[in-house]
């Protein structure tokens, strides 16, 4: 029936480098009713707590229920501590 669109339509790039906001949206279910917002950071140093706080604020601005923060860099211990405190649906899926 095509409710959620094709696989090609499942994700959308909404940001660009240096914009400080969300970078993409992906449809989580086949109907396209549940969405997840994505923030990607390519940094030289460690990602700190202020970046996670900005991401959470951007998610709240979209009234988003799900979000994924992706980085090829490392994160400070403070990031993990903060992420575990703000979640309301269980601990985040984060690795060190």
Foldseek 3Di string as FASTA:
>chain_A
DQQQHDPVSQKDADDDPPPLAWGMKGQDDSNSPAIETEAEDEDPAADEQVSVVSHVVRCVVVVHPHYDYYYPYHHDPRNQVVQQVPDDPHGDPDDD
